[in-house]
Amino acid sequence: MSTDMRILIVTDAWRPQVNGVVMTLERLAQSLDGMGVETVFLTPEGFRTVPMPGYAEIRMALATPAKVAQRIEAARADRIHIATEGPLGILARRVCLARGLPFTTSYHTRFPEFLSARLPVPEEWTYRWLRRFHNAGNAMMVATPSLGAELAQRGFANIRLWSRGVDLDRFHPDRRIDLGLNGPVFLCVGRVAVEKNLPAFLDLDLPGTKLVVGDGPALPELKARYPDAVFMGVKRGEELAAIYASANVFVFPSRTDTFGNVIVEALASGTPVAAYPVTGPLDILAGGGGVLDEDLRQAALAALAVPRQAARARAGAYDWDECAGQFLTHITTAIPDHGPRWSAA
């Protein structure tokens, strides 16, 4: 679409964090580069950081409006996208509004539910703040139609659908190996934290083995509470791909994710998915490849009968280049005039 565009993405979520936001932004940049679009990032790198209270793995940048303004101006970007609502996102929004710089945003995380799971903060308070945050931009991108519809009902405006992709070469049924576990193997991959609702999976009366891959603040407690489950910690690359392909069912117990990249990775690996009928799974599995049910045990058992080829076929609907194309279309239509005109340095 363009060969001379530079896009600045502001994100509080960045390496060494392992999560869907970081992975999505990295893959987006790779695909945009193939389209001739340069992506530059404003991240916590280069700032002093402190651990997020109750979640030490997440580091929050200690920045000032002046420092963020300097980084934004130094980027000389044609368009600005604010991906997160953390300290950097808040300051970047403030700078853009003060200087009349147009920007877009994206809604990756259900912060109201995330926060209320840890602190006595009413969800509506947080949604009110988020509505003000995002409605100040030219467009807000969301990963699924159901999330877009929900947020529209809550008063969010200028909503655009920005889907996700999956690496169909890395995540493939052919990577299946013998995990050395009693079958069937019911797998869950993701951050081991309260908002992921892992006890809903670990409490299920299921045959075989429950396998959890991932790390997080709730890991020590869950390992102690569920000694019969297998906790492998964080796995990456080829090892993770082999685990996905080797499970019989992928169980996704979260009720608060906005998409669920791990769902499409499991599907690409030929592993059927069991989940609640909520945003993310509801959208992804509408085309098959798994079972949705408010009774997660019934969903998990029924998913054993889903053909692995059906799961793999469903993953084919998700492509990183298409994801990047959607992003590029939204940011160029929302900010049609190449955004800010920078003065000479």
C-alpha atoms as a PDB file:
ATOM      1  CA  MET A   1       0.000   0.000   0.000  1.00  0.00           C
ATOM      2  CA  SER A   2       2.930   2.320   0.718  1.00  0.00           C
ATOM      3  CA  THR A   3       6.683   2.238   0.333  1.00  0.00           C
ATOM      4  CA  ASP A   4       7.679   5.349   2.245  1.00  0.00           C
ATOM      5  CA  MET A   5       5.612   5.313   5.417  1.00  0.00           C
ATOM      6  CA  ARG A   6       6.903   5.227   8.973  1.00  0.00           C
ATOM      7  CA  ILE A   7       4.586   4.232  11.819  1.00  0.00           C
ATOM      8  CA  LEU A   8       5.371   4.811  15.501  1.00  0.00           C
ATOM      9  CA  ILE A   9       3.823   2.272  17.876  1.00  0.00           C
ATOM     10  CA  VAL A  10       3.768   3.160  21.568  1.00  0.00           C
ATOM     11  CA  THR A  11       3.580   0.119  23.845  1.00  0.00           C
ATOM     12  CA  ASP A  12       4.121  -0.533  27.536  1.00  0.00           C
ATOM     13  CA  ALA A  13       4.158  -4.272  26.817  1.00  0.00           C
ATOM     14  CA  TRP A  14       7.545  -5.309  25.458  1.00  0.00           C
ATOM     15  CA  ARG A  15      10.357  -7.790  25.810  1.00  0.00           C
ATOM     16  CA  PRO A  16      11.215  -9.677  27.940  1.00  0.00           C
ATOM     17  CA  GLN A  17       7.480 -10.062  28.590  1.00  0.00           C
ATOM     18  CA  VAL A  18       5.973 -13.149  26.951  1.00  0.00           C
ATOM     19  CA  ASN A  19       2.381 -12.394  26.009  1.00  0.00           C
ATOM     20  CA  GLY A  20       0.030 -11.954  23.101  1.00  0.00           C
ATOM     21  CA  VAL A  21       0.489  -8.188  22.845  1.00  0.00           C
ATOM     22  CA  VAL A  22       4.265  -8.386  22.462  1.00  0.00           C
ATOM     23  CA  MET A  23       4.059 -11.260  19.988  1.00  0.00           C
ATOM     24  CA  THR A  24       1.360  -9.511  17.937  1.00  0.00           C
ATOM     25  CA  LEU A  25       3.313  -6.258  17.673  1.00  0.00           C
ATOM     26  CA  GLU A  26       6.532  -8.039  16.708  1.00  0.00           C
ATOM     27  CA  ARG A  27       4.775 -10.039  13.981  1.00  0.00           C
ATOM     28  CA  LEU A  28       2.949  -6.917  12.804  1.00  0.00           C
ATOM     29  CA  ALA A  29       6.263  -5.098  12.356  1.00  0.00           C
ATOM     30  CA  GLN A  30       7.704  -8.014  10.372  1.00  0.00           C
ATOM     31  CA  SER A  31       4.748  -8.098   7.997  1.00  0.00           C
ATOM     32  CA  LEU A  32       4.659  -4.310   7.603  1.00  0.00           C
ATOM     33  CA  ASP A  33       8.352  -4.355   6.733  1.00  0.00           C
ATOM     34  CA  GLY A  34       7.540  -6.750   3.885  1.00  0.00           C
ATOM     35  CA  MET A  35       5.022  -4.182   2.662  1.00  0.00           C
ATOM     36  CA  GLY A  36       7.616  -1.421   2.608  1.00  0.00           C
ATOM     37  CA  VAL A  37       6.383   0.211   5.816  1.00  0.00           C
ATOM     38  CA  GLU A  38       8.877   1.004   8.569  1.00  0.00           C
ATOM     39  CA  THR A  39       7.767   0.454  12.156  1.00  0.00           C
ATOM     40  CA  VAL A  40       9.481   2.153  15.067  1.00  0.00           C
ATOM     41  CA  PHE A  41       8.604   1.469  18.691  1.00  0.00           C
ATOM     42  CA  LEU A  42       8.410   3.596  21.802  1.00  0.00           C
ATOM     43  CA  THR A  43       8.741   1.030  24.612  1.00  0.00           C
ATOM     44  CA  PRO A  44      10.031   0.902  28.201  1.00  0.00           C
ATOM     45  CA  GLU A  45      13.530   0.356  26.781  1.00  0.00           C
ATOM     46  CA  GLY A  46      15.647   3.376  27.652  1.00  0.00           C
ATOM     47  CA  PHE A  47      13.559   4.326  30.692  1.00  0.00           C
ATOM     48  CA  ARG A  48      13.975   3.361  34.316  1.00  0.00           C
ATOM     49  CA  THR A  49      11.317   0.808  35.202  1.00  0.00           C
ATOM     50  CA  VAL A  50       9.646  -0.539  38.317  1.00  0.00           C
ATOM     51  CA  PRO A  51       7.755  -3.813  38.746  1.00  0.00           C
ATOM     52  CA  MET A  52       3.993  -3.663  38.464  1.00  0.00           C
ATOM     53  CA  PRO A  53       2.463  -4.150  41.946  1.00  0.00           C
ATOM     54  CA  GLY A  54       1.460  -7.779  42.353  1.00  0.00           C
ATOM     55  CA  TYR A  55       2.965  -8.709  38.977  1.00  0.00           C
ATOM     56  CA  ALA A  56       6.738  -8.328  39.114  1.00  0.00           C
ATOM     57  CA  GLU A  57       7.224  -9.822  35.627  1.00  0.00           C
ATOM     58  CA  ILE A  58       5.684  -6.678  34.118  1.00  0.00           C
ATOM     59  CA  ARG A  59       7.913  -3.599  34.316  1.00  0.00           C
ATOM     60  CA  MET A  60       6.382  -0.132  34.110  1.00  0.00           C
ATOM     61  CA  ALA A  61       8.346   2.754  32.651  1.00  0.00           C
ATOM     62  CA  LEU A  62       9.062   5.816  34.766  1.00  0.00           C
ATOM     63  CA  ALA A  63       8.854   8.464  32.064  1.00  0.00           C
ATOM     64  CA  THR A  64       7.937  12.131  31.849  1.00  0.00           C
ATOM     65  CA  PRO A  65       5.839  13.958  29.247  1.00  0.00           C
ATOM     66  CA  ALA A  66       8.960  15.770  28.055  1.00  0.00           C
ATOM     67  CA  LYS A  67      10.914  12.534  27.525  1.00  0.00           C
ATOM     68  CA  VAL A  68       8.009  10.885  25.723  1.00  0.00           C
ATOM     69  CA  ALA A  69       7.551  13.975  23.565  1.00  0.00           C
ATOM     70  CA  GLN A  70      11.241  13.843  22.631  1.00  0.00           C
ATOM     71  CA  ARG A  71      10.949  10.193  21.619  1.00  0.00           C
ATOM     72  CA  ILE A  72       7.805  10.867  19.576  1.00  0.00           C
ATOM     73  CA  GLU A  73       9.399  13.789  17.756  1.00  0.00           C
ATOM     74  CA  ALA A  74      12.636  11.867  17.163  1.00  0.00           C
ATOM     75  CA  ALA A  75      10.666   9.083  15.469  1.00  0.00           C
ATOM     76  CA  ARG A  76       9.479  11.459  12.715  1.00  0.00           C
ATOM     77  CA  ALA A  77       6.616   9.084  12.059  1.00  0.00           C
ATOM     78  CA  ASP A  78       3.861   9.634   9.520  1.00  0.00           C
ATOM     79  CA  ARG A  79       1.338   8.002  11.807  1.00  0.00           C
ATOM     80  CA  ILE A  80       1.161   7.203  15.524  1.00  0.00           C
ATOM     81  CA  HIS A  81      -0.502   4.200  17.130  1.00  0.00           C
ATOM     82  CA  ILE A  82      -0.883   3.817  20.909  1.00  0.00           C
ATOM     83  CA  ALA A  83      -1.161   0.107  21.620  1.00  0.00           C
ATOM     84  CA  THR A  84      -1.481   0.064  25.420  1.00  0.00           C
ATOM     85  CA  GLU A  85      -3.031   2.130  28.193  1.00  0.00           C
ATOM     86  CA  GLY A  86      -0.036   1.946  30.555  1.00  0.00           C
ATOM     87  CA  PRO A  87       2.274   4.786  31.649  1.00  0.00           C
ATOM     88  CA  LEU A  88       3.806   5.262  28.191  1.00  0.00           C
ATOM     89  CA  GLY A  89       0.449   5.068  26.455  1.00  0.00           C
ATOM     90  CA  ILE A  90      -1.038   7.608  28.846  1.00  0.00           C
ATOM     91  CA  LEU A  91       1.840  10.042  28.350  1.00  0.00           C
ATOM     92  CA  ALA A  92       1.906   9.563  24.565  1.00  0.00           C
ATOM     93  CA  ARG A  93      -1.831  10.286  24.394  1.00  0.00           C
ATOM     94  CA  ARG A  94      -1.290  13.401  26.506  1.00  0.00           C
ATOM     95  CA  VAL A  95       1.496  14.635  24.226  1.00  0.00           C
ATOM     96  CA  CYS A  96      -0.488  13.930  21.058  1.00  0.00           C
ATOM     97  CA  LEU A  97      -3.567  15.774  22.328  1.00  0.00           C
ATOM     98  CA  ALA A  98      -1.495  18.738  23.521  1.00  0.00           C
ATOM     99  CA  ARG A  99       0.274  19.034  20.159  1.00  0.00           C
ATOM    100  CA  GLY A 100      -2.654  18.223  17.915  1.00  0.00           C
ATOM    101  CA  LEU A 101      -1.089  14.990  16.654  1.00  0.00           C
ATOM    102  CA  PRO A 102      -3.658  12.452  15.412  1.00  0.00           C
ATOM    103  CA  PHE A 103      -3.326   8.880  16.650  1.00  0.00           C
ATOM    104  CA  THR A 104      -5.069   5.536  16.730  1.00  0.00           C
ATOM    105  CA  THR A 105      -5.304   3.041  19.580  1.00  0.00           C
ATOM    106  CA  SER A 106      -5.932  -0.665  20.092  1.00  0.00           C
ATOM    107  CA  TYR A 107      -7.745  -2.547  22.861  1.00  0.00           C
ATOM    108  CA  HIS A 108      -5.730  -5.621  23.800  1.00  0.00           C
ATOM    109  CA  THR A 109      -6.433  -6.253  27.469  1.00  0.00           C
ATOM    110  CA  ARG A 110      -9.552  -6.257  29.633  1.00  0.00           C
ATOM    111  CA  PHE A 111      -8.053  -4.004  32.281  1.00  0.00           C
ATOM    112  CA  PRO A 112     -11.350  -3.573  34.182  1.00  0.00           C
ATOM    113  CA  GLU A 113     -11.558  -7.315  34.797  1.00  0.00           C
ATOM    114  CA  PHE A 114      -7.773  -7.595  35.262  1.00  0.00           C
ATOM    115  CA  LEU A 115      -7.822  -4.872  37.919  1.00  0.00           C
ATOM    116  CA  SER A 116     -10.941  -6.021  39.758  1.00  0.00           C
ATOM    117  CA  ALA A 117      -9.449  -9.518  40.080  1.00  0.00           C
ATOM    118  CA  ARG A 118      -6.671  -7.983  42.169  1.00  0.00           C
ATOM    119  CA  LEU A 119      -8.134  -4.878  43.812  1.00  0.00           C
ATOM    120  CA  PRO A 120     -11.614  -3.730  44.936  1.00  0.00           C
ATOM    121  CA  VAL A 121     -12.055  -1.401  41.963  1.00  0.00           C
ATOM    122  CA  PRO A 122     -15.487  -1.461  40.257  1.00  0.00           C
ATOM    123  CA  GLU A 123     -15.190  -2.444  36.605  1.00  0.00           C
ATOM    124  CA  GLU A 124     -17.397   0.448  35.500  1.00  0.00           C
ATOM    125  CA  TRP A 125     -14.914   2.974  36.901  1.00  0.00           C
ATOM    126  CA  THR A 126     -12.143   1.520  34.781  1.00  0.00           C
ATOM    127  CA  TYR A 127     -14.351   1.245  31.689  1.00  0.00           C
ATOM    128  CA  ARG A 128     -15.247   4.934  32.078  1.00  0.00           C
ATOM    129  CA  TRP A 129     -11.557   5.859  32.109  1.00  0.00           C
ATOM    130  CA  LEU A 130     -10.761   3.563  29.165  1.00  0.00           C
ATOM    131  CA  ARG A 131     -13.623   5.040  27.161  1.00  0.00           C
ATOM    132  CA  ARG A 132     -12.145   8.513  27.583  1.00  0.00           C
ATOM    133  CA  PHE A 133      -8.677   7.202  26.730  1.00  0.00           C
ATOM    134  CA  HIS A 134      -9.632   5.506  23.459  1.00  0.00           C
ATOM    135  CA  ASN A 135     -12.346   7.866  22.234  1.00  0.00           C
ATOM    136  CA  ALA A 136      -9.759  10.660  22.055  1.00  0.00           C
ATOM    137  CA  GLY A 137      -8.091   8.841  19.146  1.00  0.00           C
ATOM    138  CA  ASN A 138      -9.131   8.675  15.506  1.00  0.00           C
ATOM    139  CA  ALA A 139      -9.881   4.933  15.677  1.00  0.00           C
ATOM    140  CA  MET A 140      -9.715   2.050  18.135  1.00  0.00           C
ATOM    141  CA  MET A 141      -8.774  -1.401  16.812  1.00  0.00           C
ATOM    142  CA  VAL A 142     -10.157  -4.598  18.364  1.00  0.00           C
ATOM    143  CA  ALA A 143      -9.396  -8.235  17.577  1.00  0.00           C
ATOM    144  CA  THR A 144     -12.904  -9.696  17.306  1.00  0.00           C
ATOM    145  CA  PRO A 145     -16.423  -8.675  16.249  1.00  0.00           C
ATOM    146  CA  SER A 146     -17.918  -9.711  19.598  1.00  0.00           C
ATOM    147  CA  LEU A 147     -15.478  -7.501  21.520  1.00  0.00           C
ATOM    148  CA  GLY A 148     -16.223  -4.613  19.174  1.00  0.00           C
ATOM    149  CA  ALA A 149     -19.965  -5.021  19.715  1.00  0.00           C
ATOM    150  CA  GLU A 150     -19.543  -5.180  23.495  1.00  0.00           C
ATOM    151  CA  LEU A 151     -17.370  -2.066  23.630  1.00  0.00           C
ATOM    152  CA  ALA A 152     -19.724  -0.188  21.308  1.00  0.00           C
ATOM    153  CA  GLN A 153     -22.516  -0.849  23.805  1.00  0.00           C
ATOM    154  CA  ARG A 154     -20.278   0.615  26.493  1.00  0.00           C
ATOM    155  CA  GLY A 155     -19.868   3.847  24.533  1.00  0.00           C
ATOM    156  CA  PHE A 156     -16.546   3.266  22.771  1.00  0.00           C
ATOM    157  CA  ALA A 157     -16.422   4.902  19.327  1.00  0.00           C
ATOM    158  CA  ASN A 158     -14.633   4.573  15.967  1.00  0.00           C
ATOM    159  CA  ILE A 159     -14.136   0.816  16.368  1.00  0.00           C
ATOM    160  CA  ARG A 160     -12.251  -1.082  13.653  1.00  0.00           C
ATOM    161  CA  LEU A 161     -11.703  -4.844  13.367  1.00  0.00           C
ATOM    162  CA  TRP A 162      -8.043  -5.864  13.436  1.00  0.00           C
ATOM    163  CA  SER A 163      -7.692  -9.649  13.504  1.00  0.00           C
ATOM    164  CA  ARG A 164      -4.640 -11.801  14.248  1.00  0.00           C
ATOM    165  CA  GLY A 165      -2.476 -14.381  12.509  1.00  0.00           C
ATOM    166  CA  VAL A 166      -0.625 -17.610  13.165  1.00  0.00           C
ATOM    167  CA  ASP A 167       2.584 -19.185  11.836  1.00  0.00           C
ATOM    168  CA  LEU A 168       1.230 -22.215   9.999  1.00  0.00           C
ATOM    169  CA  ASP A 169       4.738 -23.530   9.333  1.00  0.00           C
ATOM    170  CA  ARG A 170       5.927 -23.466  12.936  1.00  0.00           C
ATOM    171  CA  PHE A 171       2.666 -24.716  14.437  1.00  0.00           C
ATOM    172  CA  HIS A 172       1.880 -27.877  12.496  1.00  0.00           C
ATOM    173  CA  PRO A 173       0.358 -31.313  13.245  1.00  0.00           C
ATOM    174  CA  ASP A 174       3.515 -33.003  11.915  1.00  0.00           C
ATOM    175  CA  ARG A 175       5.419 -31.833  14.993  1.00  0.00           C
ATOM    176  CA  ARG A 176       3.592 -34.349  17.177  1.00  0.00           C
ATOM    177  CA  ILE A 177       5.806 -36.366  19.551  1.00  0.00           C
ATOM    178  CA  ASP A 178       5.345 -38.691  22.530  1.00  0.00           C
ATOM    179  CA  LEU A 179       5.231 -36.488  25.634  1.00  0.00           C
ATOM    180  CA  GLY A 180       5.556 -39.495  27.914  1.00  0.00           C
ATOM    181  CA  LEU A 181       2.323 -38.609  29.720  1.00  0.00           C
ATOM    182  CA  ASN A 182      -0.802 -40.636  30.353  1.00  0.00           C
ATOM    183  CA  GLY A 183      -3.380 -39.805  27.720  1.00  0.00           C
ATOM    184  CA  PRO A 184      -5.487 -38.128  26.787  1.00  0.00           C
ATOM    185  CA  VAL A 185      -3.451 -34.963  27.365  1.00  0.00           C
ATOM    186  CA  PHE A 186      -5.449 -31.803  28.072  1.00  0.00           C
ATOM    187  CA  LEU A 187      -3.188 -28.792  27.531  1.00  0.00           C
ATOM    188  CA  CYS A 188      -3.356 -25.154  28.627  1.00  0.00           C
ATOM    189  CA  VAL A 189      -0.732 -22.604  27.521  1.00  0.00           C
ATOM    190  CA  GLY A 190      -0.477 -19.060  28.796  1.00  0.00           C
ATOM    191  CA  ARG A 191       0.330 -16.730  31.637  1.00  0.00           C
ATOM    192  CA  VAL A 192      -0.195 -18.398  35.018  1.00  0.00           C
ATOM    193  CA  ALA A 193      -2.120 -15.595  36.686  1.00  0.00           C
ATOM    194  CA  VAL A 194      -5.449 -15.090  38.383  1.00  0.00           C
ATOM    195  CA  GLU A 195      -7.189 -13.519  35.373  1.00  0.00           C
ATOM    196  CA  LYS A 196      -6.539 -16.637  33.277  1.00  0.00           C
ATOM    197  CA  ASN A 197      -8.971 -18.650  35.437  1.00  0.00           C
ATOM    198  CA  LEU A 198      -6.753 -21.747  35.505  1.00  0.00           C
ATOM    199  CA  PRO A 199      -8.537 -23.409  38.452  1.00  0.00           C
ATOM    200  CA  ALA A 200     -11.582 -23.770  36.184  1.00  0.00           C
ATOM    201  CA  PHE A 201      -9.404 -26.123  34.111  1.00  0.00           C
ATOM    202  CA  LEU A 202      -7.427 -27.763  36.904  1.00  0.00           C
ATOM    203  CA  ASP A 203     -10.560 -28.572  38.922  1.00  0.00           C
ATOM    204  CA  LEU A 204     -12.116 -30.543  36.048  1.00  0.00           C
ATOM    205  CA  ASP A 205     -12.649 -34.274  36.442  1.00  0.00           C
ATOM    206  CA  LEU A 206     -10.876 -35.430  33.289  1.00  0.00           C
ATOM    207  CA  PRO A 207      -9.112 -38.646  32.288  1.00  0.00           C
ATOM    208  CA  GLY A 208      -5.416 -38.690  31.444  1.00  0.00           C
ATOM    209  CA  THR A 209      -3.172 -35.697  32.182  1.00  0.00           C
ATOM    210  CA  LYS A 210      -3.674 -31.969  32.661  1.00  0.00           C
ATOM    211  CA  LEU A 211      -0.636 -30.126  31.313  1.00  0.00           C
ATOM    212  CA  VAL A 212       0.098 -26.432  31.906  1.00  0.00           C
ATOM    213  CA  VAL A 213       2.768 -24.520  29.970  1.00  0.00           C
ATOM    214  CA  GLY A 214       3.642 -21.008  31.111  1.00  0.00           C
ATOM    215  CA  ASP A 215       4.831 -18.957  34.051  1.00  0.00           C
ATOM    216  CA  GLY A 216       3.378 -16.249  36.231  1.00  0.00           C
ATOM    217  CA  PRO A 217       2.689 -15.100  39.781  1.00  0.00           C
ATOM    218  CA  ALA A 218       0.134 -17.846  40.494  1.00  0.00           C
ATOM    219  CA  LEU A 219       2.453 -20.732  39.523  1.00  0.00           C
ATOM    220  CA  PRO A 220       3.765 -21.684  43.019  1.00  0.00           C
ATOM    221  CA  GLU A 221       0.270 -21.692  44.501  1.00  0.00           C
ATOM    222  CA  LEU A 222      -1.251 -23.751  41.686  1.00  0.00           C
ATOM    223  CA  LYS A 223       1.584 -26.292  41.711  1.00  0.00           C
ATOM    224  CA  ALA A 224       0.953 -26.827  45.424  1.00  0.00           C
ATOM    225  CA  ARG A 225      -2.832 -27.024  45.026  1.00  0.00           C
ATOM    226  CA  TYR A 226      -2.796 -29.383  42.041  1.00  0.00           C
ATOM    227  CA  PRO A 227       0.019 -31.920  42.500  1.00  0.00           C
ATOM    228  CA  ASP A 228      -1.486 -34.275  39.918  1.00  0.00           C
ATOM    229  CA  ALA A 229      -1.191 -31.704  37.124  1.00  0.00           C
ATOM    230  CA  VAL A 230       2.037 -31.292  35.141  1.00  0.00           C
ATOM    231  CA  PHE A 231       3.519 -27.781  35.079  1.00  0.00           C
ATOM    232  CA  MET A 232       6.264 -27.366  32.453  1.00  0.00           C
ATOM    233  CA  GLY A 233       7.012 -23.665  32.837  1.00  0.00           C
ATOM    234  CA  VAL A 234       7.683 -21.456  29.820  1.00  0.00           C
ATOM    235  CA  LYS A 235       8.400 -23.181  26.508  1.00  0.00           C
ATOM    236  CA  ARG A 236       9.228 -21.499  23.219  1.00  0.00           C
ATOM    237  CA  GLY A 237       9.925 -22.189  19.568  1.00  0.00           C
ATOM    238  CA  GLU A 238      10.090 -25.742  18.300  1.00  0.00           C
ATOM    239  CA  GLU A 239       9.615 -27.209  21.772  1.00  0.00           C
ATOM    240  CA  LEU A 240       6.370 -25.324  22.291  1.00  0.00           C
ATOM    241  CA  ALA A 241       5.158 -26.256  18.816  1.00  0.00           C
ATOM    242  CA  ALA A 242       5.768 -29.944  19.567  1.00  0.00           C
ATOM    243  CA  ILE A 243       3.808 -29.718  22.826  1.00  0.00           C
ATOM    244  CA  TYR A 244       0.835 -28.099  21.081  1.00  0.00           C
ATOM    245  CA  ALA A 245       0.776 -30.806  18.407  1.00  0.00           C
ATOM    246  CA  SER A 246       1.151 -33.614  20.933  1.00  0.00           C
ATOM    247  CA  ALA A 247      -1.838 -32.763  23.123  1.00  0.00           C
ATOM    248  CA  ASN A 248      -5.263 -34.262  22.517  1.00  0.00           C
ATOM    249  CA  VAL A 249      -7.274 -31.180  23.491  1.00  0.00           C
ATOM    250  CA  PHE A 250      -6.338 -27.573  24.195  1.00  0.00           C
ATOM    251  CA  VAL A 251      -8.403 -26.157  27.060  1.00  0.00           C
ATOM    252  CA  PHE A 252      -8.833 -22.382  27.248  1.00  0.00           C
ATOM    253  CA  PRO A 253     -10.447 -21.472  30.604  1.00  0.00           C
ATOM    254  CA  SER A 254     -10.095 -17.687  30.386  1.00  0.00           C
ATOM    255  CA  ARG A 255     -13.249 -15.600  30.297  1.00  0.00           C
ATOM    256  CA  THR A 256     -11.483 -12.250  29.938  1.00  0.00           C
ATOM    257  CA  ASP A 257      -9.056 -12.503  27.002  1.00  0.00           C
ATOM    258  CA  THR A 258      -9.819 -10.242  24.062  1.00  0.00           C
ATOM    259  CA  PHE A 259      -8.649 -12.837  21.514  1.00  0.00           C
ATOM    260  CA  GLY A 260      -6.427 -15.742  22.547  1.00  0.00           C
ATOM    261  CA  ASN A 261      -3.425 -16.206  20.254  1.00  0.00           C
ATOM    262  CA  VAL A 262      -2.795 -19.550  21.930  1.00  0.00           C
ATOM    263  CA  ILE A 263      -6.123 -20.800  20.565  1.00  0.00           C
ATOM    264  CA  VAL A 264      -5.089 -20.359  16.940  1.00  0.00           C
ATOM    265  CA  GLU A 265      -1.628 -21.790  17.675  1.00  0.00           C
ATOM    266  CA  ALA A 266      -3.315 -24.919  19.037  1.00  0.00           C
ATOM    267  CA  LEU A 267      -5.648 -25.102  16.041  1.00  0.00           C
ATOM    268  CA  ALA A 268      -2.724 -24.746  13.623  1.00  0.00           C
ATOM    269  CA  SER A 269      -1.100 -27.669  15.442  1.00  0.00           C
ATOM    270  CA  GLY A 270      -4.175 -29.802  14.763  1.00  0.00           C
ATOM    271  CA  THR A 271      -5.292 -29.752  18.390  1.00  0.00           C
ATOM    272  CA  PRO A 272      -9.040 -29.187  18.990  1.00  0.00           C
ATOM    273  CA  VAL A 273      -9.984 -26.492  21.498  1.00  0.00           C
ATOM    274  CA  ALA A 274     -12.421 -26.506  24.421  1.00  0.00           C
ATOM    275  CA  ALA A 275     -13.503 -23.145  25.816  1.00  0.00           C
ATOM    276  CA  TYR A 276     -16.299 -21.092  27.284  1.00  0.00           C
ATOM    277  CA  PRO A 277     -18.575 -19.289  24.783  1.00  0.00           C
ATOM    278  CA  VAL A 278     -17.038 -15.870  25.426  1.00  0.00           C
ATOM    279  CA  THR A 279     -15.220 -13.204  23.402  1.00  0.00           C
ATOM    280  CA  GLY A 280     -12.224 -14.703  21.646  1.00  0.00           C
ATOM    281  CA  PRO A 281     -13.195 -18.386  21.580  1.00  0.00           C
ATOM    282  CA  LEU A 282     -16.702 -17.454  20.440  1.00  0.00           C
ATOM    283  CA  ASP A 283     -15.298 -15.667  17.392  1.00  0.00           C
ATOM    284  CA  ILE A 284     -12.458 -18.055  16.561  1.00  0.00           C
ATOM    285  CA  LEU A 285     -14.337 -21.325  16.983  1.00  0.00           C
ATOM    286  CA  ALA A 286     -17.492 -20.166  15.216  1.00  0.00           C
ATOM    287  CA  GLY A 287     -15.964 -21.732  12.110  1.00  0.00           C
ATOM    288  CA  GLY A 288     -15.246 -25.068  13.788  1.00  0.00           C
ATOM    289  CA  GLY A 289     -12.178 -26.713  15.270  1.00  0.00           C
ATOM    290  CA  GLY A 290     -13.427 -26.988  18.808  1.00  0.00           C
ATOM    291  CA  VAL A 291     -16.275 -27.057  21.303  1.00  0.00           C
ATOM    292  CA  LEU A 292     -17.806 -24.201  23.289  1.00  0.00           C
ATOM    293  CA  ASP A 293     -19.810 -24.889  26.425  1.00  0.00           C
ATOM    294  CA  GLU A 294     -20.476 -23.248  29.788  1.00  0.00           C
ATOM    295  CA  ASP A 295     -19.679 -26.707  31.155  1.00  0.00           C
ATOM    296  CA  LEU A 296     -15.957 -26.728  30.427  1.00  0.00           C
ATOM    297  CA  ARG A 297     -15.639 -30.426  31.278  1.00  0.00           C
ATOM    298  CA  GLN A 298     -18.257 -31.339  28.687  1.00  0.00           C
ATOM    299  CA  ALA A 299     -16.483 -29.124  26.157  1.00  0.00           C
ATOM    300  CA  ALA A 300     -13.139 -30.798  26.861  1.00  0.00           C
ATOM    301  CA  LEU A 301     -14.527 -34.310  26.555  1.00  0.00           C
ATOM    302  CA  ALA A 302     -16.490 -33.476  23.404  1.00  0.00           C
ATOM    303  CA  ALA A 303     -13.397 -31.891  21.828  1.00  0.00           C
ATOM    304  CA  LEU A 304     -11.720 -35.313  21.885  1.00  0.00           C
ATOM    305  CA  ALA A 305     -13.998 -36.253  18.991  1.00  0.00           C
ATOM    306  CA  VAL A 306     -13.215 -33.183  16.857  1.00  0.00           C
ATOM    307  CA  PRO A 307     -11.096 -34.220  13.835  1.00  0.00           C
ATOM    308  CA  ARG A 308      -7.575 -32.811  14.004  1.00  0.00           C
ATOM    309  CA  GLN A 309      -7.789 -31.815  10.346  1.00  0.00           C
ATOM    310  CA  ALA A 310     -10.818 -29.656  11.176  1.00  0.00           C
ATOM    311  CA  ALA A 311      -8.788 -27.797  13.792  1.00  0.00           C
ATOM    312  CA  ARG A 312      -5.938 -27.258  11.343  1.00  0.00           C
ATOM    313  CA  ALA A 313      -8.333 -26.043   8.653  1.00  0.00           C
ATOM    314  CA  ARG A 314      -9.836 -23.439  10.980  1.00  0.00           C
ATOM    315  CA  ALA A 315      -6.394 -21.956  11.682  1.00  0.00           C
ATOM    316  CA  GLY A 316      -6.031 -21.197   7.982  1.00  0.00           C
ATOM    317  CA  ALA A 317      -8.366 -18.226   8.440  1.00  0.00           C
ATOM    318  CA  TYR A 318      -5.674 -16.361  10.386  1.00  0.00           C
ATOM    319  CA  ASP A 319      -2.764 -14.823   8.491  1.00  0.00           C
ATOM    320  CA  TRP A 320      -0.182 -12.309   9.741  1.00  0.00           C
ATOM    321  CA  ASP A 321       0.070 -10.509   6.400  1.00  0.00           C
ATOM    322  CA  GLU A 322      -3.699 -10.067   6.330  1.00  0.00           C
ATOM    323  CA  CYS A 323      -3.520  -8.846   9.924  1.00  0.00           C
ATOM    324  CA  ALA A 324      -0.907  -6.251   8.904  1.00  0.00           C
ATOM    325  CA  GLY A 325      -2.998  -5.255   5.897  1.00  0.00           C
ATOM    326  CA  GLN A 326      -5.988  -4.581   8.124  1.00  0.00           C
ATOM    327  CA  PHE A 327      -3.870  -2.510  10.507  1.00  0.00           C
ATOM    328  CA  LEU A 328      -2.421  -0.484   7.646  1.00  0.00           C
ATOM    329  CA  THR A 329      -5.832   0.154   6.122  1.00  0.00           C
ATOM    330  CA  HIS A 330      -7.273   1.333   9.429  1.00  0.00           C
ATOM    331  CA  ILE A 331      -4.406   3.634  10.348  1.00  0.00           C
ATOM    332  CA  THR A 332      -4.258   5.231   6.880  1.00  0.00           C
ATOM    333  CA  THR A 333      -8.013   5.776   6.629  1.00  0.00           C
ATOM    334  CA  ALA A 334      -8.239   7.079  10.194  1.00  0.00           C
ATOM    335  CA  ILE A 335      -5.281   9.431   9.588  1.00  0.00           C
ATOM    336  CA  PRO A 336      -5.492  10.025   5.822  1.00  0.00           C
ATOM    337  CA  ASP A 337      -3.069  12.952   5.485  1.00  0.00           C
ATOM    338  CA  HIS A 338       0.141  11.285   6.712  1.00  0.00           C
ATOM    339  CA  GLY A 339      -0.421  12.699  10.162  1.00  0.00           C
ATOM    340  CA  PRO A 340       2.069  15.204  11.583  1.00  0.00           C
ATOM    341  CA  ARG A 341       4.312  17.420   9.509  1.00  0.00           C
ATOM    342  CA  TRP A 342       7.601  17.511  11.354  1.00  0.00           C
ATOM    343  CA  SER A 343       9.852  20.549  11.280  1.00  0.00           C
ATOM    344  CA  ALA A 344      13.498  20.078  10.348  1.00  0.00           C
ATOM    345  CA  ALA A 345      15.587  18.712  13.201  1.00  0.00           C
END
